[in-house]
């Protein structure tokens, strides 16, 4: 198979030829790391086996797109041909290459940097090994199978970075000039500060948001930096085979019950994840919200669910229609969303992107921009 032509096409689509990331992209066979994947939407995904249709395989893996490899505890590598995955949450994937490279660029990796990255399929680890050499790369994941599979596939390419089964929110295996996490966290683990060398940089995203944190270690053991101006979203860290479902009981109530409060919303219906800025601001202020969407012709319904028992359901029959909102629980989640939208309309922007980041040695993280301040 002529994967090299496809890889060069991917490299050209992601970076310019003079970029230091061009050669890693152009010479790394992504298909080795994604032989099978789950294709479809959250409503249901179907197994795709690359070997069964090589042309479709090449088209998929050398496109700049994310390929989901694990739904709940079901890894595509272990599924039977023709299998279907239900509506569970993705728990591992091969992230679109442009986003991986963007995270690496934010890290400002030097030629002599010792770098820790997160594993997933191992494709991002391979790119970093191509860029620096495998002796400068450590790759970690909480999932023993992912680490084992990635190690084997990397070794098949002659790459032998250090690979460890590690919960990235806990102690890390060594000290590093750069820590780059393509899983999201909240709060930022203090173990990262312990493992970061003086002047080193960490790059990650805040769970539930589209915010990239870049921060450099300071002499007191903390770190300072900024929220990058560009958005990104990653799966949050997990500590077992699957994510907990803290809003499952809330969902049973919110599906169609009348709320304790009912009102008409003056704004058009918004699914918060469609707006990085709004979603990020809301998630910072009310962490832990789970979003659901249902579309039935012109009718759209959006749910906001929270583990504390709060829920909101908003329904509109067309794009400009005024949504009817039902809310219950200790907090009025839709009103929290409306406060964010009011601020956006009043000020023209929200203060999240470009905010200053201050991380104290005990891991307390505070974002500030102008008069706005928020501590995670």
Protein backbone atom coordinates (compact mmCIF):
# COMPACT_ATOMS: atom_id res chain seq x y z
CA UNK A 1 0.00 0.00 0.00
CA UNK A 2 1.23 3.49 -0.83
CA UNK A 3 0.75 5.06 2.59
CA UNK A 4 3.69 7.44 2.10
CA UNK A 5 1.80 9.48 -0.49
CA UNK A 6 -1.15 9.76 1.87
CA UNK A 7 1.11 10.76 4.78
CA UNK A 8 2.79 13.48 2.71
CA UNK A 9 -0.66 14.76 1.76
CA UNK A 10 -1.63 14.90 5.42
CA UNK A 11 1.58 16.74 6.30
CA UNK A 12 0.96 19.29 3.56
CA UNK A 13 -2.58 19.84 4.82
CA UNK A 14 -1.47 20.41 8.41
CA UNK A 15 1.79 22.40 8.24
CA UNK A 16 4.06 24.19 5.79
CA UNK A 17 7.02 22.25 4.31
CA UNK A 18 9.57 24.23 6.35
CA UNK A 19 7.89 23.34 9.65
CA UNK A 20 9.81 21.03 11.98
CA UNK A 21 6.64 18.97 12.21
CA UNK A 22 6.41 18.35 8.45
CA UNK A 23 8.82 15.40 8.37
CA UNK A 24 7.30 13.65 11.42
CA UNK A 25 3.85 13.90 9.82
CA UNK A 26 5.09 12.87 6.39
CA UNK A 27 7.08 9.84 7.60
CA UNK A 28 4.82 8.39 10.33
CA UNK A 29 2.35 5.69 9.20
CA UNK A 30 -0.80 6.65 11.11
CA UNK A 31 -2.61 3.55 9.86
CA UNK A 32 -0.31 1.38 11.96
CA UNK A 33 -1.80 2.97 15.08
CA UNK A 34 -5.42 2.87 13.90
CA UNK A 35 -6.10 -0.51 12.25
CA UNK A 36 -9.74 -0.38 13.42
CA UNK A 37 -12.02 2.38 14.71
CA UNK A 38 -15.59 3.24 15.59
CA UNK A 39 -17.32 5.34 12.94
CA UNK A 40 -20.56 7.27 13.39
CA UNK A 41 -22.18 9.60 15.90
CA UNK A 42 -22.99 9.46 19.60
CA UNK A 43 -26.30 7.81 18.74
CA UNK A 44 -24.41 4.70 17.61
CA UNK A 45 -21.10 3.75 16.05
CA UNK A 46 -20.12 0.96 13.68
CA UNK A 47 -16.81 -0.86 13.63
CA UNK A 48 -14.51 -0.11 10.70
CA UNK A 49 -11.73 -2.58 9.89
CA UNK A 50 -8.99 -1.05 7.80
CA UNK A 51 -7.87 -4.32 6.30
CA UNK A 52 -11.35 -4.97 4.90
CA UNK A 53 -11.27 -1.83 2.73
CA UNK A 54 -7.76 -0.47 2.31
CA UNK A 55 -8.81 2.50 0.19
CA UNK A 56 -11.32 3.67 2.80
CA UNK A 57 -8.74 3.02 5.53
CA UNK A 58 -6.17 5.26 3.87
CA UNK A 59 -8.76 7.96 3.27
CA UNK A 60 -9.84 7.92 6.91
CA UNK A 61 -6.51 7.73 8.73
CA UNK A 62 -4.69 10.24 6.53
CA UNK A 63 -7.46 12.81 6.80
CA UNK A 64 -7.12 15.48 9.47
CA UNK A 65 -9.84 14.02 11.66
CA UNK A 66 -10.27 12.31 14.99
CA UNK A 67 -10.87 8.56 14.89
CA UNK A 68 -12.57 7.05 17.95
CA UNK A 69 -10.96 3.77 18.98
CA UNK A 70 -12.72 3.02 22.26
CA UNK A 71 -16.34 3.47 23.42
CA UNK A 72 -16.80 2.91 27.14
CA UNK A 73 -14.80 -0.28 27.74
CA UNK A 74 -15.13 -1.54 24.14
CA UNK A 75 -11.91 -1.14 22.16
CA UNK A 76 -12.19 -1.43 18.40
CA UNK A 77 -9.17 -3.77 18.38
CA UNK A 78 -11.21 -6.36 20.27
CA UNK A 79 -14.61 -5.99 18.61
CA UNK A 80 -16.06 -8.56 16.21
CA UNK A 81 -16.56 -7.69 12.56
CA UNK A 82 -19.79 -5.78 12.01
CA UNK A 83 -20.09 -4.86 15.68
CA UNK A 84 -22.06 -1.81 16.78
CA UNK A 85 -21.24 0.33 19.78
CA UNK A 86 -24.03 1.96 21.73
CA UNK A 87 -24.30 5.55 22.79
CA UNK A 88 -21.53 5.45 25.40
CA UNK A 89 -18.83 8.08 25.66
CA UNK A 90 -15.56 7.75 23.72
CA UNK A 91 -12.74 6.78 26.08
CA UNK A 92 -9.83 6.77 23.63
CA UNK A 93 -9.12 8.06 20.14
CA UNK A 94 -6.51 9.09 17.63
CA UNK A 95 -6.84 12.88 17.82
CA UNK A 96 -6.85 14.84 14.58
CA UNK A 97 -3.17 15.42 13.72
CA UNK A 98 -3.45 19.21 13.39
CA UNK A 99 -4.63 19.46 17.00
CA UNK A 100 -1.84 17.19 18.28
CA UNK A 101 0.74 19.31 16.46
CA UNK A 102 -0.88 22.49 17.75
CA UNK A 103 -0.53 21.29 21.34
CA UNK A 104 3.10 20.41 20.66
CA UNK A 105 3.70 23.85 19.17
CA UNK A 106 2.27 25.50 22.27
CA UNK A 107 4.84 23.54 24.27
CA UNK A 108 7.71 25.18 22.33
CA UNK A 109 9.69 21.95 22.37
CA UNK A 110 13.46 22.42 22.12
CA UNK A 111 15.83 20.02 20.40
CA UNK A 112 17.19 18.86 23.78
CA UNK A 113 13.86 18.74 25.64
CA UNK A 114 12.90 15.74 27.71
CA UNK A 115 9.16 15.43 27.06
CA UNK A 116 6.24 13.59 28.64
CA UNK A 117 3.18 13.02 26.44
CA UNK A 118 -0.03 11.02 26.84
CA UNK A 119 -0.32 7.79 24.85
CA UNK A 120 -3.77 7.04 23.41
CA UNK A 121 -3.13 5.13 20.19
CA UNK A 122 0.57 6.07 20.22
CA UNK A 123 0.43 8.17 17.04
CA UNK A 124 1.18 11.42 18.87
CA UNK A 125 4.03 9.67 20.69
CA UNK A 126 5.44 8.58 17.31
CA UNK A 127 5.33 12.16 16.02
CA UNK A 128 7.26 13.37 19.06
CA UNK A 129 9.80 10.56 18.67
CA UNK A 130 10.31 11.52 15.01
CA UNK A 131 10.82 15.13 16.09
CA UNK A 132 13.22 14.57 18.99
CA UNK A 133 14.40 10.97 19.04
CA UNK A 134 12.79 8.30 21.16
CA UNK A 135 15.24 8.60 24.06
CA UNK A 136 13.82 12.02 24.87
CA UNK A 137 10.20 10.89 25.02
CA UNK A 138 8.14 9.34 27.82
CA UNK A 139 4.56 8.31 27.06
CA UNK A 140 1.96 7.42 29.70
CA UNK A 141 -1.62 6.20 29.87
CA UNK A 142 -3.90 4.81 32.57
CA UNK A 143 -4.94 1.91 30.29
CA UNK A 144 -2.51 -1.05 30.24
CA UNK A 145 -3.83 -2.29 26.89
CA UNK A 146 -3.29 1.08 25.22
CA UNK A 147 0.27 1.29 26.53
CA UNK A 148 1.03 -2.27 25.42
CA UNK A 149 -0.49 -1.89 21.96
CA UNK A 150 1.21 1.46 21.39
CA UNK A 151 4.56 0.09 22.58
CA UNK A 152 4.32 -2.81 20.12
CA UNK A 153 3.32 -0.59 17.20
CA UNK A 154 6.05 1.93 17.98
CA UNK A 155 8.64 -0.85 18.23
CA UNK A 156 7.55 -2.07 14.80
CA UNK A 157 8.71 1.31 13.49
CA UNK A 158 11.99 1.11 15.35
CA UNK A 159 10.86 3.57 18.04
CA UNK A 160 11.43 2.76 21.71
CA UNK A 161 10.38 5.63 23.98
CA UNK A 162 9.81 5.03 27.67
CA UNK A 163 6.24 3.74 28.08
CA UNK A 164 4.49 3.56 31.45
CA UNK A 165 1.03 2.68 32.77
CA UNK A 166 0.38 5.76 34.87
CA UNK A 167 -2.60 7.78 36.05
CA UNK A 168 -1.44 11.14 34.71
CA UNK A 169 -3.09 12.95 37.63
CA UNK A 170 -0.75 11.14 40.04
CA UNK A 171 3.01 10.81 40.36
CA UNK A 172 4.88 10.91 37.05
CA UNK A 173 7.84 8.69 36.12
CA UNK A 174 10.69 11.20 36.08
CA UNK A 175 11.32 14.89 35.55
CA UNK A 176 10.71 16.71 32.29
CA UNK A 177 11.24 19.93 30.39
CA UNK A 178 7.81 19.66 28.83
CA UNK A 179 4.58 17.97 29.96
CA UNK A 180 1.93 17.83 27.23
CA UNK A 181 -1.38 16.25 28.07
CA UNK A 182 -3.92 15.48 25.35
CA UNK A 183 -6.42 14.52 28.01
CA UNK A 184 -8.12 17.29 29.96
CA UNK A 185 -7.77 17.84 33.72
CA UNK A 186 -9.37 19.79 36.52
CA UNK A 187 -7.70 20.72 38.77
CA UNK A 188 -4.16 20.82 37.41
CA UNK A 189 -2.26 18.04 39.23
CA UNK A 190 0.41 19.21 41.67
CA UNK A 191 2.45 16.18 40.57
CA UNK A 192 3.05 17.98 37.26
CA UNK A 193 4.71 20.85 39.08
CA UNK A 194 6.86 18.33 40.99
CA UNK A 195 7.90 16.62 37.74
CA UNK A 196 8.51 19.81 35.78
CA UNK A 197 12.10 21.01 35.67
CA UNK A 198 12.90 24.67 36.46
CA UNK A 199 11.73 26.80 33.54
CA UNK A 200 9.84 23.86 32.05
CA UNK A 201 6.43 24.20 30.43
CA UNK A 202 3.16 22.34 30.79
CA UNK A 203 0.40 22.31 28.17
CA UNK A 204 -3.05 20.86 28.76
CA UNK A 205 -6.76 21.66 28.58
CA UNK A 206 -9.20 22.32 31.42
CA UNK A 207 -11.82 19.58 31.65
CA UNK A 208 -15.25 20.59 30.43
CA UNK A 209 -13.90 23.60 28.53
CA UNK A 210 -12.19 24.43 25.26
CA UNK A 211 -9.31 26.16 27.04
CA UNK A 212 -5.63 25.35 26.42
CA UNK A 213 -3.40 26.16 29.40
CA UNK A 214 0.25 26.97 28.72
CA UNK A 215 2.30 27.63 31.86
CA UNK A 216 6.01 27.87 32.67
CA UNK A 217 7.41 26.75 36.03
CA UNK A 218 8.55 29.53 38.33
CA UNK A 219 11.30 29.59 40.98
CA UNK A 220 8.79 29.14 43.83
CA UNK A 221 7.57 25.83 42.38
CA UNK A 222 4.41 27.22 40.85
CA UNK A 223 3.86 28.29 37.24
CA UNK A 224 2.59 31.24 35.23
CA UNK A 225 1.20 31.41 31.72
CA UNK A 226 -1.85 32.10 29.62
CA UNK A 227 -4.97 30.59 28.14
CA UNK A 228 -4.13 30.17 24.45
CA UNK A 229 -6.25 32.21 22.01
CA UNK A 230 -7.28 29.09 20.07
CA UNK A 231 -9.75 26.50 21.38
CA UNK A 232 -9.28 22.76 21.82
CA UNK A 233 -11.23 19.98 23.47
CA UNK A 234 -10.03 16.60 24.76
CA UNK A 235 -11.51 13.71 26.68
CA UNK A 236 -11.12 14.18 30.42
CA UNK A 237 -8.90 11.93 32.48
CA UNK A 238 -10.40 8.65 33.63
CA UNK A 239 -9.29 6.37 36.44
CA UNK A 240 -10.81 3.09 35.27
CA UNK A 241 -12.25 1.35 32.22
CA UNK A 242 -14.99 3.94 31.72
CA UNK A 243 -16.24 7.27 33.00
CA UNK A 244 -18.62 7.49 35.92
CA UNK A 245 -22.19 8.57 35.08
CA UNK A 246 -23.05 11.01 37.89
CA UNK A 247 -25.98 12.52 35.95
CA UNK A 248 -27.74 9.28 34.98
CA UNK A 249 -30.44 9.63 37.63
CA UNK A 250 -30.84 13.33 36.85
CA UNK A 251 -31.37 12.41 33.19
CA UNK A 252 -34.31 10.17 34.13
CA UNK A 253 -36.03 13.18 35.69
CA UNK A 254 -35.04 15.76 33.08
CA UNK A 255 -36.12 13.76 30.03
CA UNK A 256 -39.71 15.00 30.02
CA UNK A 257 -40.82 15.99 33.52
CA UNK A 258 -42.25 19.42 34.28
CA UNK A 259 -39.74 21.62 36.03
CA UNK A 260 -40.10 23.42 39.33
CA UNK A 261 -39.76 26.60 37.27
CA UNK A 262 -40.89 27.20 33.68
CA UNK A 263 -40.04 30.26 31.64
CA UNK A 264 -39.61 31.59 28.13
CA UNK A 265 -36.03 32.35 27.08
CA UNK A 266 -35.49 35.52 25.07
CA UNK A 267 -32.43 34.17 23.23
CA UNK A 268 -32.53 31.61 20.40
CA UNK A 269 -31.85 28.06 21.57
CA UNK A 270 -28.13 27.36 21.99
CA UNK A 271 -26.46 24.00 22.44
CA UNK A 272 -23.51 25.21 24.59
CA UNK A 273 -20.92 22.92 23.02
CA UNK A 274 -21.51 24.71 19.71
CA UNK A 275 -19.88 27.83 21.21
CA UNK A 276 -16.41 27.29 22.66
CA UNK A 277 -16.45 30.63 24.46
CA UNK A 278 -19.86 30.25 26.08
CA UNK A 279 -19.31 26.60 27.01
CA UNK A 280 -15.92 27.36 28.56
CA UNK A 281 -17.19 30.29 30.63
CA UNK A 282 -20.18 28.29 31.86
CA UNK A 283 -18.02 25.26 32.71
CA UNK A 284 -15.60 27.40 34.69
CA UNK A 285 -18.43 28.85 36.76
CA UNK A 286 -20.51 25.68 37.08
CA UNK A 287 -18.20 22.68 36.60
CA UNK A 288 -19.62 19.25 35.90
CA UNK A 289 -22.52 20.07 33.56
CA UNK A 290 -23.48 17.30 31.15
CA UNK A 291 -25.12 18.39 27.88
CA UNK A 292 -27.62 16.48 25.75
CA UNK A 293 -29.23 17.38 22.42
CA UNK A 294 -32.16 15.93 20.47
CA UNK A 295 -33.25 17.10 17.02
CA UNK A 296 -36.57 16.11 15.47
CA UNK A 297 -37.17 18.07 12.27
CA UNK A 298 -37.43 21.75 13.21
CA UNK A 299 -37.80 20.88 16.88
CA UNK A 300 -34.64 20.96 19.01
CA UNK A 301 -34.30 20.15 22.69
CA UNK A 302 -31.25 20.85 24.83
CA UNK A 303 -30.67 19.44 28.32
CA UNK A 304 -28.24 20.67 30.96
CA UNK A 305 -27.68 18.11 33.74
CA UNK A 306 -25.64 18.41 36.92
CA UNK A 307 -24.61 15.80 39.51
CA UNK A 308 -26.11 17.92 42.30
CA UNK A 309 -29.58 17.15 40.89
CA UNK A 310 -30.04 20.37 38.96
CA UNK A 311 -31.36 20.14 35.43
CA UNK A 312 -32.73 22.33 32.66
CA UNK A 313 -34.56 21.41 29.46
CA UNK A 314 -35.13 23.94 26.69
CA UNK A 315 -37.20 23.28 23.55
CA UNK A 316 -37.71 25.43 20.46
CA UNK A 317 -39.53 24.65 17.22
CA UNK A 318 -37.35 26.71 14.89
CA UNK A 319 -34.05 28.58 14.96
CA UNK A 320 -35.54 31.95 15.93
CA UNK A 321 -38.31 30.58 18.14
CA UNK A 322 -38.32 31.47 21.84
CA UNK A 323 -37.36 28.36 23.80
CA UNK A 324 -39.59 27.05 26.57
CA UNK A 325 -37.37 26.20 29.52
CA UNK A 326 -38.08 23.81 32.41
CA UNK A 327 -35.68 23.86 35.38
CA UNK A 328 -35.40 22.00 38.68
CA UNK A 329 -32.91 21.33 41.44
CA UNK A 330 -30.77 23.48 43.71
CA UNK A 331 -29.49 25.61 40.79
CA UNK A 332 -31.20 27.10 37.77
CA UNK A 333 -28.74 25.96 35.13
CA UNK A 334 -30.39 27.74 32.20
CA UNK A 335 -30.25 31.02 34.09
CA UNK A 336 -26.53 30.44 34.63
CA UNK A 337 -26.20 29.97 30.88
CA UNK A 338 -28.23 33.13 30.26
CA UNK A 339 -25.92 35.15 32.52
CA UNK A 340 -23.00 34.10 30.37
CA UNK A 341 -24.85 35.03 27.19
CA UNK A 342 -25.89 38.37 28.70
CA UNK A 343 -22.28 39.19 29.41
CA UNK A 344 -21.26 38.17 25.91
CA UNK A 345 -23.94 40.43 24.40
CA UNK A 346 -23.09 43.31 26.73
CA UNK A 347 -19.30 43.22 26.33
CA UNK A 348 -18.94 41.62 22.89
CA UNK A 349 -16.57 38.93 24.21
CA UNK A 350 -15.92 36.77 27.25
CA UNK A 351 -12.64 37.04 29.20
CA UNK A 352 -11.60 33.38 29.01
CA UNK A 353 -9.33 33.33 25.94
CA UNK A 354 -6.09 35.19 26.57
CA UNK A 355 -6.58 35.11 30.35
CA UNK A 356 -3.49 35.05 32.55
CA UNK A 357 -2.88 31.79 34.44
CA UNK A 358 -1.29 31.68 37.89
CA UNK A 359 -0.62 28.28 39.48
CA UNK A 360 0.61 28.29 43.07
CA UNK A 361 2.96 25.53 44.32
CA UNK A 362 -0.03 23.75 45.92
CA UNK A 363 -1.76 23.60 42.52
CA UNK A 364 -4.34 26.35 43.05
CA UNK A 365 -5.03 27.75 39.60
CA UNK A 366 -6.41 31.25 39.06
CA UNK A 367 -7.40 32.82 35.76
CA UNK A 368 -7.50 36.61 35.42
CA UNK A 369 -8.20 39.07 32.65
CA UNK A 370 -8.85 42.71 33.42
CA UNK A 371 -11.16 42.89 36.42
CA UNK A 372 -12.34 39.29 35.94
CA UNK A 373 -10.86 36.55 38.10
CA UNK A 374 -11.76 32.91 38.74
CA UNK A 375 -10.05 30.22 40.80
CA UNK A 376 -10.56 26.61 39.69
